[in-house]
Amino acid sequence: MPLNSPRPVAHVSADRNLFQIRCEAEEGNRFGVQTDSIAVTLGQRVLRDGVLEMWDSVGVYAKQDPEGVLIVEVLVFNPEWDEPLRIACIRSRPEDKSSLTPLVCGLDHSAP
């Protein structure tokens, strides 16, 4: 199944973890886990001041807030910026049976 598949990989019961991550890299390297929080950074090679270095350009952070809301934030980092830029905030309330919206997506760009 492609990584960008919109279908759930497995049905999640109430006693399982809050989040899931699946990664695939070249040459068949794969990683997947279910957990209660996630912090992932994606680095890429950049040339700064004539020197090649790895720069963490994207971060994905997932956690549960004190009210039980599950939050996934996507941040972009740039060596020329003073602080990261949040480009997405995705929320769900899986324990709220009255919620009519499975996911709320905020795409406003702001400092975290």
PDB file of N, CA and C in Angstrom:
ATOM      1  N   MET A   1       0.843  -1.178   0.000  1.00  0.00           N
ATOM      2  CA  MET A   1       0.000   0.000   0.000  1.00  0.00           C
ATOM      3  C   MET A   1       0.890   1.244   0.000  1.00  0.00           C
ATOM      4  N   PRO A   2       0.627   2.224  -0.864  1.00  0.00           N
ATOM      5  CA  PRO A   2       1.441   3.436  -0.900  1.00  0.00           C
ATOM      6  C   PRO A   2       1.371   4.194   0.417  1.00  0.00           C
ATOM      7  N   LEU A   3       2.454   4.904   0.752  1.00  0.00           N
ATOM      8  CA  LEU A   3       2.480   5.661   2.002  1.00  0.00           C
ATOM      9  C   LEU A   3       1.424   6.750   2.045  1.00  0.00           C
ATOM     10  N   ASN A   4       1.027   7.285   0.908  1.00  0.00           N
ATOM     11  CA  ASN A   4       0.058   8.366   0.898  1.00  0.00           C
ATOM     12  C   ASN A   4      -1.374   7.857   0.809  1.00  0.00           C
ATOM     13  N   SER A   5      -1.602   6.604   1.088  1.00  0.00           N
ATOM     14  CA  SER A   5      -2.932   6.025   1.027  1.00  0.00           C
ATOM     15  C   SER A   5      -3.844   6.668   2.064  1.00  0.00           C
ATOM     16  N   PRO A   6      -5.032   7.102   1.666  1.00  0.00           N
ATOM     17  CA  PRO A   6      -5.942   7.720   2.625  1.00  0.00           C
ATOM     18  C   PRO A   6      -6.644   6.703   3.517  1.00  0.00           C
ATOM     19  N   ARG A   7      -6.536   5.426   3.196  1.00  0.00           N
ATOM     20  CA  ARG A   7      -7.220   4.412   3.984  1.00  0.00           C
ATOM     21  C   ARG A   7      -6.402   4.047   5.216  1.00  0.00           C
ATOM     22  N   PRO A   8      -7.062   3.779   6.336  1.00  0.00           N
ATOM     23  CA  PRO A   8      -6.309   3.336   7.511  1.00  0.00           C
ATOM     24  C   PRO A   8      -5.670   1.976   7.253  1.00  0.00           C
ATOM     25  N   VAL A   9      -4.500   1.784   7.826  1.00  0.00           N
ATOM     26  CA  VAL A   9      -3.803   0.514   7.661  1.00  0.00           C
ATOM     27  C   VAL A   9      -4.491  -0.573   8.465  1.00  0.00           C
ATOM     28  N   ALA A  10      -4.946  -0.229   9.650  1.00  0.00           N
ATOM     29  CA  ALA A  10      -5.631  -1.193  10.507  1.00  0.00           C
ATOM     30  C   ALA A  10      -6.625  -0.427  11.366  1.00  0.00           C
ATOM     31  N   HIS A  11      -7.674  -1.098  11.760  1.00  0.00           N
ATOM     32  CA  HIS A  11      -8.623  -0.466  12.671  1.00  0.00           C
ATOM     33  C   HIS A  11      -7.967  -0.355  14.040  1.00  0.00           C
ATOM     34  N   VAL A  12      -8.115   0.798  14.655  1.00  0.00           N
ATOM     35  CA  VAL A  12      -7.475   1.053  15.943  1.00  0.00           C
ATOM     36  C   VAL A  12      -8.513   0.913  17.040  1.00  0.00           C
ATOM     37  N   SER A  13      -8.236   0.087  18.016  1.00  0.00           N
ATOM     38  CA  SER A  13      -9.145  -0.055  19.143  1.00  0.00           C
ATOM     39  C   SER A  13      -8.769   0.953  20.226  1.00  0.00           C
ATOM     40  N   ALA A  14      -9.648   1.147  21.177  1.00  0.00           N
ATOM     41  CA  ALA A  14      -9.467   2.161  22.209  1.00  0.00           C
ATOM     42  C   ALA A  14      -8.240   1.905  23.084  1.00  0.00           C
ATOM     43  N   ASP A  15      -7.749   0.677  23.133  1.00  0.00           N
ATOM     44  CA  ASP A  15      -6.615   0.377  24.000  1.00  0.00           C
ATOM     45  C   ASP A  15      -5.270   0.520  23.290  1.00  0.00           C
ATOM     46  N   ARG A  16      -5.273   0.974  22.051  1.00  0.00           N
ATOM     47  CA  ARG A  16      -4.018   1.154  21.312  1.00  0.00           C
ATOM     48  C   ARG A  16      -3.508   2.569  21.441  1.00  0.00           C
ATOM     49  N   ASN A  17      -2.346   2.813  20.860  1.00  0.00           N
ATOM     50  CA  ASN A  17      -1.707   4.116  20.913  1.00  0.00           C
ATOM     51  C   ASN A  17      -2.486   5.166  20.132  1.00  0.00           C
ATOM     52  N   LEU A  18      -2.090   6.421  20.327  1.00  0.00           N
ATOM     53  CA  LEU A  18      -2.806   7.556  19.754  1.00  0.00           C
ATOM     54  C   LEU A  18      -2.406   7.882  18.323  1.00  0.00           C
ATOM     55  N   PHE A  19      -1.161   7.581  17.942  1.00  0.00           N
ATOM     56  CA  PHE A  19      -0.646   7.960  16.629  1.00  0.00           C
ATOM     57  C   PHE A  19       0.068   6.779  15.981  1.00  0.00           C
ATOM     58  N   GLN A  20       0.232   6.890  14.683  1.00  0.00           N
ATOM     59  CA  GLN A  20       0.986   5.895  13.927  1.00  0.00           C
ATOM     60  C   GLN A  20       1.897   6.623  12.958  1.00  0.00           C
ATOM     61  N   ILE A  21       3.084   6.076  12.766  1.00  0.00           N
ATOM     62  CA  ILE A  21       4.000   6.623  11.770  1.00  0.00           C
ATOM     63  C   ILE A  21       4.512   5.482  10.914  1.00  0.00           C
ATOM     64  N   ARG A  22       4.607   5.747   9.606  1.00  0.00           N
ATOM     65  CA  ARG A  22       5.174   4.787   8.659  1.00  0.00           C
ATOM     66  C   ARG A  22       6.177   5.533   7.796  1.00  0.00           C
ATOM     67  N   CYS A  23       7.349   4.995   7.638  1.00  0.00           N
ATOM     68  CA  CYS A  23       8.397   5.619   6.829  1.00  0.00           C
ATOM     69  C   CYS A  23       8.951   4.586   5.850  1.00  0.00           C
ATOM     70  N   GLU A  24       9.335   5.075   4.683  1.00  0.00           N
ATOM     71  CA  GLU A  24       9.972   4.221   3.693  1.00  0.00           C
ATOM     72  C   GLU A  24      11.101   5.013   3.061  1.00  0.00           C
ATOM     73  N   ALA A  25      12.275   4.408   3.017  1.00  0.00           N
ATOM     74  CA  ALA A  25      13.448   5.028   2.407  1.00  0.00           C
ATOM     75  C   ALA A  25      13.927   4.138   1.274  1.00  0.00           C
ATOM     76  N   GLU A  26      14.860   4.649   0.516  1.00  0.00           N
ATOM     77  CA  GLU A  26      15.404   3.905  -0.618  1.00  0.00           C
ATOM     78  C   GLU A  26      15.927   2.537  -0.176  1.00  0.00           C
ATOM     79  N   GLU A  27      15.963   1.619  -1.114  1.00  0.00           N
ATOM     80  CA  GLU A  27      16.495   0.267  -0.913  1.00  0.00           C
ATOM     81  C   GLU A  27      15.675  -0.562   0.073  1.00  0.00           C
ATOM     82  N   GLY A  28      14.374  -0.284   0.140  1.00  0.00           N
ATOM     83  CA  GLY A  28      13.498  -1.127   0.950  1.00  0.00           C
ATOM     84  C   GLY A  28      13.577  -0.912   2.443  1.00  0.00           C
ATOM     85  N   ASN A  29      14.224   0.131   2.899  1.00  0.00           N
ATOM     86  CA  ASN A  29      14.264   0.416   4.328  1.00  0.00           C
ATOM     87  C   ASN A  29      12.906   0.946   4.768  1.00  0.00           C
ATOM     88  N   ARG A  30      12.309   0.289   5.747  1.00  0.00           N
ATOM     89  CA  ARG A  30      10.982   0.659   6.229  1.00  0.00           C
ATOM     90  C   ARG A  30      10.958   0.699   7.740  1.00  0.00           C
ATOM     91  N   PHE A  31      10.058   1.533   8.243  1.00  0.00           N
ATOM     92  CA  PHE A  31       9.900   1.670   9.680  1.00  0.00           C
ATOM     93  C   PHE A  31       8.453   2.019   9.963  1.00  0.00           C
ATOM     94  N   GLY A  32       7.867   1.430  10.957  1.00  0.00           N
ATOM     95  CA  GLY A  32       6.511   1.767  11.351  1.00  0.00           C
ATOM     96  C   GLY A  32       6.318   1.490  12.824  1.00  0.00           C
ATOM     97  N   VAL A  33       5.532   2.337  13.477  1.00  0.00           N
ATOM     98  CA  VAL A  33       5.284   2.157  14.899  1.00  0.00           C
ATOM     99  C   VAL A  33       4.015   2.911  15.282  1.00  0.00           C
ATOM    100  N   GLN A  34       3.340   2.417  16.298  1.00  0.00           N
ATOM    101  CA  GLN A  34       2.248   3.152  16.913  1.00  0.00           C
ATOM    102  C   GLN A  34       2.750   3.638  18.262  1.00  0.00           C
ATOM    103  N   THR A  35       2.363   4.869  18.636  1.00  0.00           N
ATOM    104  CA  THR A  35       2.897   5.475  19.849  1.00  0.00           C
ATOM    105  C   THR A  35       1.955   6.570  20.350  1.00  0.00           C
ATOM    106  N   ASP A  36       2.246   7.130  21.497  1.00  0.00           N
ATOM    107  CA  ASP A  36       1.411   8.187  22.068  1.00  0.00           C
ATOM    108  C   ASP A  36       1.896   9.588  21.738  1.00  0.00           C
ATOM    109  N   SER A  37       3.088   9.729  21.177  1.00  0.00           N
ATOM    110  CA  SER A  37       3.583  11.033  20.719  1.00  0.00           C
ATOM    111  C   SER A  37       4.660  10.787  19.665  1.00  0.00           C
ATOM    112  N   ILE A  38       4.862  11.806  18.810  1.00  0.00           N
ATOM    113  CA  ILE A  38       5.823  11.665  17.715  1.00  0.00           C
ATOM    114  C   ILE A  38       6.582  12.971  17.543  1.00  0.00           C
ATOM    115  N   ALA A  39       7.862  12.874  17.287  1.00  0.00           N
ATOM    116  CA  ALA A  39       8.692  14.011  16.864  1.00  0.00           C
ATOM    117  C   ALA A  39       9.602  13.487  15.755  1.00  0.00           C
ATOM    118  N   VAL A  40       9.379  13.986  14.541  1.00  0.00           N
ATOM    119  CA  VAL A  40      10.137  13.537  13.379  1.00  0.00           C
ATOM    120  C   VAL A  40      10.701  14.762  12.678  1.00  0.00           C
ATOM    121  N   THR A  41      11.972  14.702  12.301  1.00  0.00           N
ATOM    122  CA  THR A  41      12.549  15.767  11.485  1.00  0.00           C
ATOM    123  C   THR A  41      13.080  15.154  10.197  1.00  0.00           C
ATOM    124  N   LEU A  42      13.000  15.946   9.146  1.00  0.00           N
ATOM    125  CA  LEU A  42      13.510  15.534   7.846  1.00  0.00           C
ATOM    126  C   LEU A  42      14.599  16.515   7.467  1.00  0.00           C
ATOM    127  N   GLY A  43      15.817  16.014   7.305  1.00  0.00           N
ATOM    128  CA  GLY A  43      16.948  16.863   6.951  1.00  0.00           C
ATOM    129  C   GLY A  43      17.321  16.704   5.497  1.00  0.00           C
ATOM    130  N   GLN A  44      17.903  17.734   4.975  1.00  0.00           N
ATOM    131  CA  GLN A  44      18.401  17.674   3.601  1.00  0.00           C
ATOM    132  C   GLN A  44      19.701  18.445   3.516  1.00  0.00           C
ATOM    133  N   ARG A  45      20.501  18.073   2.528  1.00  0.00           N
ATOM    134  CA  ARG A  45      21.806  18.711   2.366  1.00  0.00           C
ATOM    135  C   ARG A  45      21.623  20.102   1.776  1.00  0.00           C
ATOM    136  N   VAL A  46      22.330  21.069   2.366  1.00  0.00           N
ATOM    137  CA  VAL A  46      22.313  22.447   1.874  1.00  0.00           C
ATOM    138  C   VAL A  46      23.746  22.960   1.812  1.00  0.00           C
ATOM    139  N   LEU A  47      23.937  23.996   1.022  1.00  0.00           N
ATOM    140  CA  LEU A  47      25.238  24.664   0.937  1.00  0.00           C
ATOM    141  C   LEU A  47      25.089  26.024   1.608  1.00  0.00           C
ATOM    142  N   ARG A  48      25.795  26.208   2.731  1.00  0.00           N
ATOM    143  CA  ARG A  48      25.753  27.484   3.452  1.00  0.00           C
ATOM    144  C   ARG A  48      27.162  27.990   3.646  1.00  0.00           C
ATOM    145  N   ASP A  49      27.388  29.215   3.216  1.00  0.00           N
ATOM    146  CA  ASP A  49      28.716  29.835   3.367  1.00  0.00           C
ATOM    147  C   ASP A  49      29.821  28.946   2.796  1.00  0.00           C
ATOM    148  N   GLY A  50      29.522  28.279   1.664  1.00  0.00           N
ATOM    149  CA  GLY A  50      30.515  27.451   0.998  1.00  0.00           C
ATOM    150  C   GLY A  50      30.741  26.090   1.635  1.00  0.00           C
ATOM    151  N   VAL A  51      29.919  25.732   2.635  1.00  0.00           N
ATOM    152  CA  VAL A  51      30.081  24.470   3.345  1.00  0.00           C
ATOM    153  C   VAL A  51      28.813  23.631   3.196  1.00  0.00           C
ATOM    154  N   LEU A  52      28.977  22.344   2.819  1.00  0.00           N
ATOM    155  CA  LEU A  52      27.840  21.433   2.763  1.00  0.00           C
ATOM    156  C   LEU A  52      27.482  20.984   4.176  1.00  0.00           C
ATOM    157  N   GLU A  53      26.197  21.006   4.486  1.00  0.00           N
ATOM    158  CA  GLU A  53      25.747  20.534   5.792  1.00  0.00           C
ATOM    159  C   GLU A  53      24.336  19.969   5.664  1.00  0.00           C
ATOM    160  N   MET A  54      23.936  19.194   6.653  1.00  0.00           N
ATOM    161  CA  MET A  54      22.566  18.702   6.724  1.00  0.00           C
ATOM    162  C   MET A  54      21.752  19.713   7.520  1.00  0.00           C
ATOM    163  N   TRP A  55      20.587  20.048   6.985  1.00  0.00           N
ATOM    164  CA  TRP A  55      19.714  21.012   7.653  1.00  0.00           C
ATOM    165  C   TRP A  55      18.345  20.363   7.858  1.00  0.00           C
ATOM    166  N   ASP A  56      17.877  20.338   9.095  1.00  0.00           N
ATOM    167  CA  ASP A  56      16.530  19.837   9.371  1.00  0.00           C
ATOM    168  C   ASP A  56      15.532  20.853   8.846  1.00  0.00           C
ATOM    169  N   SER A  57      14.873  20.534   7.725  1.00  0.00           N
ATOM    170  CA  SER A  57      14.006  21.496   7.064  1.00  0.00           C
ATOM    171  C   SER A  57      12.524  21.334   7.404  1.00  0.00           C
ATOM    172  N   VAL A  58      12.108  20.143   7.822  1.00  0.00           N
ATOM    173  CA  VAL A  58      10.706  19.898   8.160  1.00  0.00           C
ATOM    174  C   VAL A  58      10.645  19.095   9.453  1.00  0.00           C
ATOM    175  N   GLY A  59       9.708  19.467  10.295  1.00  0.00           N
ATOM    176  CA  GLY A  59       9.447  18.715  11.514  1.00  0.00           C
ATOM    177  C   GLY A  59       7.973  18.396  11.623  1.00  0.00           C
ATOM    178  N   VAL A  60       7.665  17.191  12.072  1.00  0.00           N
ATOM    179  CA  VAL A  60       6.288  16.794  12.319  1.00  0.00           C
ATOM    180  C   VAL A  60       6.214  16.352  13.778  1.00  0.00           C
ATOM    181  N   TYR A  61       5.296  16.961  14.512  1.00  0.00           N
ATOM    182  CA  TYR A  61       5.183  16.721  15.949  1.00  0.00           C
ATOM    183  C   TYR A  61       3.738  16.369  16.283  1.00  0.00           C
ATOM    184  N   ALA A  62       3.541  15.291  17.007  1.00  0.00           N
ATOM    185  CA  ALA A  62       2.207  14.835  17.363  1.00  0.00           C
ATOM    186  C   ALA A  62       2.137  14.612  18.864  1.00  0.00           C
ATOM    187  N   LYS A  63       1.032  15.092  19.459  1.00  0.00           N
ATOM    188  CA  LYS A  63       0.853  14.946  20.904  1.00  0.00           C
ATOM    189  C   LYS A  63      -0.626  15.059  21.243  1.00  0.00           C
ATOM    190  N   GLN A  64      -0.951  14.735  22.472  1.00  0.00           N
ATOM    191  CA  GLN A  64      -2.302  14.910  22.986  1.00  0.00           C
ATOM    192  C   GLN A  64      -2.282  16.058  23.976  1.00  0.00           C
ATOM    193  N   ASP A  65      -3.225  16.999  23.853  1.00  0.00           N
ATOM    194  CA  ASP A  65      -3.264  18.111  24.807  1.00  0.00           C
ATOM    195  C   ASP A  65      -4.032  17.693  26.064  1.00  0.00           C
ATOM    196  N   PRO A  66      -4.019  18.518  27.109  1.00  0.00           N
ATOM    197  CA  PRO A  66      -4.668  18.143  28.375  1.00  0.00           C
ATOM    198  C   PRO A  66      -6.175  17.867  28.253  1.00  0.00           C
ATOM    199  N   GLU A  67      -6.839  18.421  27.240  1.00  0.00           N
ATOM    200  CA  GLU A  67      -8.271  18.186  27.047  1.00  0.00           C
ATOM    201  C   GLU A  67      -8.552  16.936  26.212  1.00  0.00           C
ATOM    202  N   GLY A  68      -7.509  16.213  25.803  1.00  0.00           N
ATOM    203  CA  GLY A  68      -7.687  14.992  25.034  1.00  0.00           C
ATOM    204  C   GLY A  68      -7.678  15.175  23.534  1.00  0.00           C
ATOM    205  N   VAL A  69      -7.436  16.407  23.063  1.00  0.00           N
ATOM    206  CA  VAL A  69      -7.378  16.672  21.631  1.00  0.00           C
ATOM    207  C   VAL A  69      -6.033  16.176  21.093  1.00  0.00           C
ATOM    208  N   LEU A  70      -6.065  15.434  19.988  1.00  0.00           N
ATOM    209  CA  LEU A  70      -4.836  14.979  19.346  1.00  0.00           C
ATOM    210  C   LEU A  70      -4.409  16.039  18.339  1.00  0.00           C
ATOM    211  N   ILE A  71      -3.149  16.449  18.413  1.00  0.00           N
ATOM    212  CA  ILE A  71      -2.642  17.551  17.598  1.00  0.00           C
ATOM    213  C   ILE A  71      -1.416  17.088  16.822  1.00  0.00           C
ATOM    214  N   VAL A  72      -1.423  17.357  15.519  1.00  0.00           N
ATOM    215  CA  VAL A  72      -0.262  17.120  14.667  1.00  0.00           C
ATOM    216  C   VAL A  72       0.122  18.466  14.067  1.00  0.00           C
ATOM    217  N   GLU A  73       1.364  18.889  14.293  1.00  0.00           N
ATOM    218  CA  GLU A  73       1.861  20.150  13.740  1.00  0.00           C
ATOM    219  C   GLU A  73       2.979  19.861  12.745  1.00  0.00           C
ATOM    220  N   VAL A  74       2.993  20.625  11.654  1.00  0.00           N
ATOM    221  CA  VAL A  74       4.055  20.526  10.658  1.00  0.00           C
ATOM    222  C   VAL A  74       4.777  21.864  10.633  1.00  0.00           C
ATOM    223  N   LEU A  75       6.080  21.832  10.909  1.00  0.00           N
ATOM    224  CA  LEU A  75       6.903  23.038  10.940  1.00  0.00           C
ATOM    225  C   LEU A  75       7.951  22.984   9.848  1.00  0.00           C
ATOM    226  N   VAL A  76       8.276  24.149   9.289  1.00  0.00           N
ATOM    227  CA  VAL A  76       9.326  24.282   8.288  1.00  0.00           C
ATOM    228  C   VAL A  76      10.431  25.139   8.894  1.00  0.00           C
ATOM    229  N   PHE A  77      11.668  24.703   8.720  1.00  0.00           N
ATOM    230  CA  PHE A  77      12.835  25.411   9.240  1.00  0.00           C
ATOM    231  C   PHE A  77      13.698  25.873   8.069  1.00  0.00           C
ATOM    232  N   ASN A  78      14.248  27.065   8.183  1.00  0.00           N
ATOM    233  CA  ASN A  78      15.111  27.609   7.139  1.00  0.00           C
ATOM    234  C   ASN A  78      16.299  28.269   7.832  1.00  0.00           C
ATOM    235  N   PRO A  79      17.512  28.027   7.387  1.00  0.00           N
ATOM    236  CA  PRO A  79      18.670  28.620   8.057  1.00  0.00           C
ATOM    237  C   PRO A  79      18.672  30.153   8.013  1.00  0.00           C
ATOM    238  N   GLU A  80      17.878  30.737   7.125  1.00  0.00           N
ATOM    239  CA  GLU A  80      17.821  32.188   7.038  1.00  0.00           C
ATOM    240  C   GLU A  80      16.725  32.797   7.911  1.00  0.00           C
ATOM    241  N   TRP A  81      15.942  31.970   8.583  1.00  0.00           N
ATOM    242  CA  TRP A  81      14.862  32.456   9.441  1.00  0.00           C
ATOM    243  C   TRP A  81      15.281  32.412  10.904  1.00  0.00           C
ATOM    244  N   ASP A  82      14.723  33.315  11.700  1.00  0.00           N
ATOM    245  CA  ASP A  82      14.995  33.339  13.132  1.00  0.00           C
ATOM    246  C   ASP A  82      14.227  32.253  13.886  1.00  0.00           C
ATOM    247  N   GLU A  83      13.079  31.864  13.353  1.00  0.00           N
ATOM    248  CA  GLU A  83      12.273  30.843  14.012  1.00  0.00           C
ATOM    249  C   GLU A  83      11.547  30.013  12.956  1.00  0.00           C
ATOM    250  N   PRO A  84      11.071  28.828  13.342  1.00  0.00           N
ATOM    251  CA  PRO A  84      10.369  27.983  12.363  1.00  0.00           C
ATOM    252  C   PRO A  84       9.009  28.577  11.996  1.00  0.00           C
ATOM    253  N   LEU A  85       8.439  28.053  10.927  1.00  0.00           N
ATOM    254  CA  LEU A  85       7.122  28.461  10.467  1.00  0.00           C
ATOM    255  C   LEU A  85       6.201  27.246  10.527  1.00  0.00           C
ATOM    256  N   ARG A  86       5.097  27.369  11.272  1.00  0.00           N
ATOM    257  CA  ARG A  86       4.118  26.282  11.312  1.00  0.00           C
ATOM    258  C   ARG A  86       3.238  26.416  10.079  1.00  0.00           C
ATOM    259  N   ILE A  87       3.200  25.372   9.251  1.00  0.00           N
ATOM    260  CA  ILE A  87       2.417  25.434   8.016  1.00  0.00           C
ATOM    261  C   ILE A  87       1.132  24.613   8.105  1.00  0.00           C
ATOM    262  N   ALA A  88       1.005  23.781   9.125  1.00  0.00           N
ATOM    263  CA  ALA A  88      -0.224  23.012   9.296  1.00  0.00           C
ATOM    264  C   ALA A  88      -0.392  22.608  10.749  1.00  0.00           C
ATOM    265  N   CYS A  89      -1.640  22.596  11.179  1.00  0.00           N
ATOM    266  CA  CYS A  89      -2.015  22.083  12.501  1.00  0.00           C
ATOM    267  C   CYS A  89      -3.295  21.273  12.301  1.00  0.00           C
ATOM    268  N   ILE A  90      -3.203  19.984  12.558  1.00  0.00           N
ATOM    269  CA  ILE A  90      -4.307  19.067  12.306  1.00  0.00           C
ATOM    270  C   ILE A  90      -4.760  18.501  13.648  1.00  0.00           C
ATOM    271  N   ARG A  91      -6.054  18.613  13.926  1.00  0.00           N
ATOM    272  CA  ARG A  91      -6.586  18.202  15.222  1.00  0.00           C
ATOM    273  C   ARG A  91      -7.699  17.173  15.057  1.00  0.00           C
ATOM    274  N   SER A  92      -7.778  16.275  16.033  1.00  0.00           N
ATOM    275  CA  SER A  92      -8.898  15.343  16.099  1.00  0.00           C
ATOM    276  C   SER A  92      -9.299  15.172  17.560  1.00  0.00           C
ATOM    277  N   ARG A  93     -10.566  14.802  17.739  1.00  0.00           N
ATOM    278  CA  ARG A  93     -11.103  14.557  19.081  1.00  0.00           C
ATOM    279  C   ARG A  93     -11.748  13.172  19.076  1.00  0.00           C
ATOM    280  N   PRO A  94     -10.933  12.129  19.113  1.00  0.00           N
ATOM    281  CA  PRO A  94     -11.471  10.773  18.948  1.00  0.00           C
ATOM    282  C   PRO A  94     -12.395  10.322  20.078  1.00  0.00           C
ATOM    283  N   GLU A  95     -12.297  10.930  21.235  1.00  0.00           N
ATOM    284  CA  GLU A  95     -13.142  10.528  22.365  1.00  0.00           C
ATOM    285  C   GLU A  95     -14.437  11.326  22.435  1.00  0.00           C
ATOM    286  N   ASP A  96     -14.598  12.338  21.579  1.00  0.00           N
ATOM    287  CA  ASP A  96     -15.785  13.195  21.582  1.00  0.00           C
ATOM    288  C   ASP A  96     -16.818  12.626  20.607  1.00  0.00           C
ATOM    289  N   LYS A  97     -17.776  11.886  21.125  1.00  0.00           N
ATOM    290  CA  LYS A  97     -18.791  11.237  20.280  1.00  0.00           C
ATOM    291  C   LYS A  97     -19.694  12.252  19.582  1.00  0.00           C
ATOM    292  N   SER A  98     -19.767  13.492  20.092  1.00  0.00           N
ATOM    293  CA  SER A  98     -20.626  14.507  19.474  1.00  0.00           C
ATOM    294  C   SER A  98     -19.926  15.253  18.334  1.00  0.00           C
ATOM    295  N   SER A  99     -18.627  15.026  18.155  1.00  0.00           N
ATOM    296  CA  SER A  99     -17.883  15.710  17.100  1.00  0.00           C
ATOM    297  C   SER A  99     -18.316  15.175  15.735  1.00  0.00           C
ATOM    298  N   LEU A 100     -18.678  16.090  14.841  1.00  0.00           N
ATOM    299  CA  LEU A 100     -19.103  15.707  13.498  1.00  0.00           C
ATOM    300  C   LEU A 100     -17.969  15.797  12.487  1.00  0.00           C
ATOM    301  N   THR A 101     -16.804  16.283  12.929  1.00  0.00           N
ATOM    302  CA  THR A 101     -15.665  16.462  12.032  1.00  0.00           C
ATOM    303  C   THR A 101     -14.516  15.569  12.504  1.00  0.00           C
ATOM    304  N   PRO A 102     -14.142  14.571  11.710  1.00  0.00           N
ATOM    305  CA  PRO A 102     -13.060  13.682  12.147  1.00  0.00           C
ATOM    306  C   PRO A 102     -11.722  14.405  12.294  1.00  0.00           C
ATOM    307  N   LEU A 103     -11.401  15.304  11.336  1.00  0.00           N
ATOM    308  CA  LEU A 103     -10.146  16.061  11.375  1.00  0.00           C
ATOM    309  C   LEU A 103     -10.438  17.530  11.106  1.00  0.00           C
ATOM    310  N   VAL A 104      -9.803  18.394  11.884  1.00  0.00           N
ATOM    311  CA  VAL A 104      -9.849  19.836  11.643  1.00  0.00           C
ATOM    312  C   VAL A 104      -8.456  20.252  11.197  1.00  0.00           C
ATOM    313  N   CYS A 105      -8.349  20.829  10.009  1.00  0.00           N
ATOM    314  CA  CYS A 105      -7.057  21.189   9.445  1.00  0.00           C
ATOM    315  C   CYS A 105      -6.908  22.702   9.421  1.00  0.00           C
ATOM    316  N   GLY A 106      -5.928  23.207  10.149  1.00  0.00           N
ATOM    317  CA  GLY A 106      -5.584  24.619  10.112  1.00  0.00           C
ATOM    318  C   GLY A 106      -4.340  24.794   9.264  1.00  0.00           C
ATOM    319  N   LEU A 107      -4.461  25.554   8.185  1.00  0.00           N
ATOM    320  CA  LEU A 107      -3.326  25.748   7.283  1.00  0.00           C
ATOM    321  C   LEU A 107      -2.806  27.181   7.334  1.00  0.00           C
ATOM    322  N   ASP A 108      -3.135  27.909   8.394  1.00  0.00           N
ATOM    323  CA  ASP A 108      -2.611  29.248   8.579  1.00  0.00           C
ATOM    324  C   ASP A 108      -1.130  29.151   8.932  1.00  0.00           C
ATOM    325  N   HIS A 109      -0.326  29.961   8.319  1.00  0.00           N
ATOM    326  CA  HIS A 109       1.116  29.954   8.596  1.00  0.00           C
ATOM    327  C   HIS A 109       1.378  30.877   9.777  1.00  0.00           C
ATOM    328  N   SER A 110       2.090  30.344  10.791  1.00  0.00           N
ATOM    329  CA  SER A 110       2.380  31.135  11.980  1.00  0.00           C
ATOM    330  C   SER A 110       3.596  30.562  12.692  1.00  0.00           C
ATOM    331  N   ALA A 111       4.122  31.351  13.617  1.00  0.00           N
ATOM    332  CA  ALA A 111       5.196  30.848  14.470  1.00  0.00           C
ATOM    333  C   ALA A 111       4.563  29.886  15.467  1.00  0.00           C
ATOM    334  N   PRO A 112       5.234  28.792  15.807  1.00  0.00           N
ATOM    335  CA  PRO A 112       4.657  27.821  16.750  1.00  0.00           C
ATOM    336  C   PRO A 112       4.543  28.380  18.160  1.00  0.00           C
TER     337      PRO A 112
END
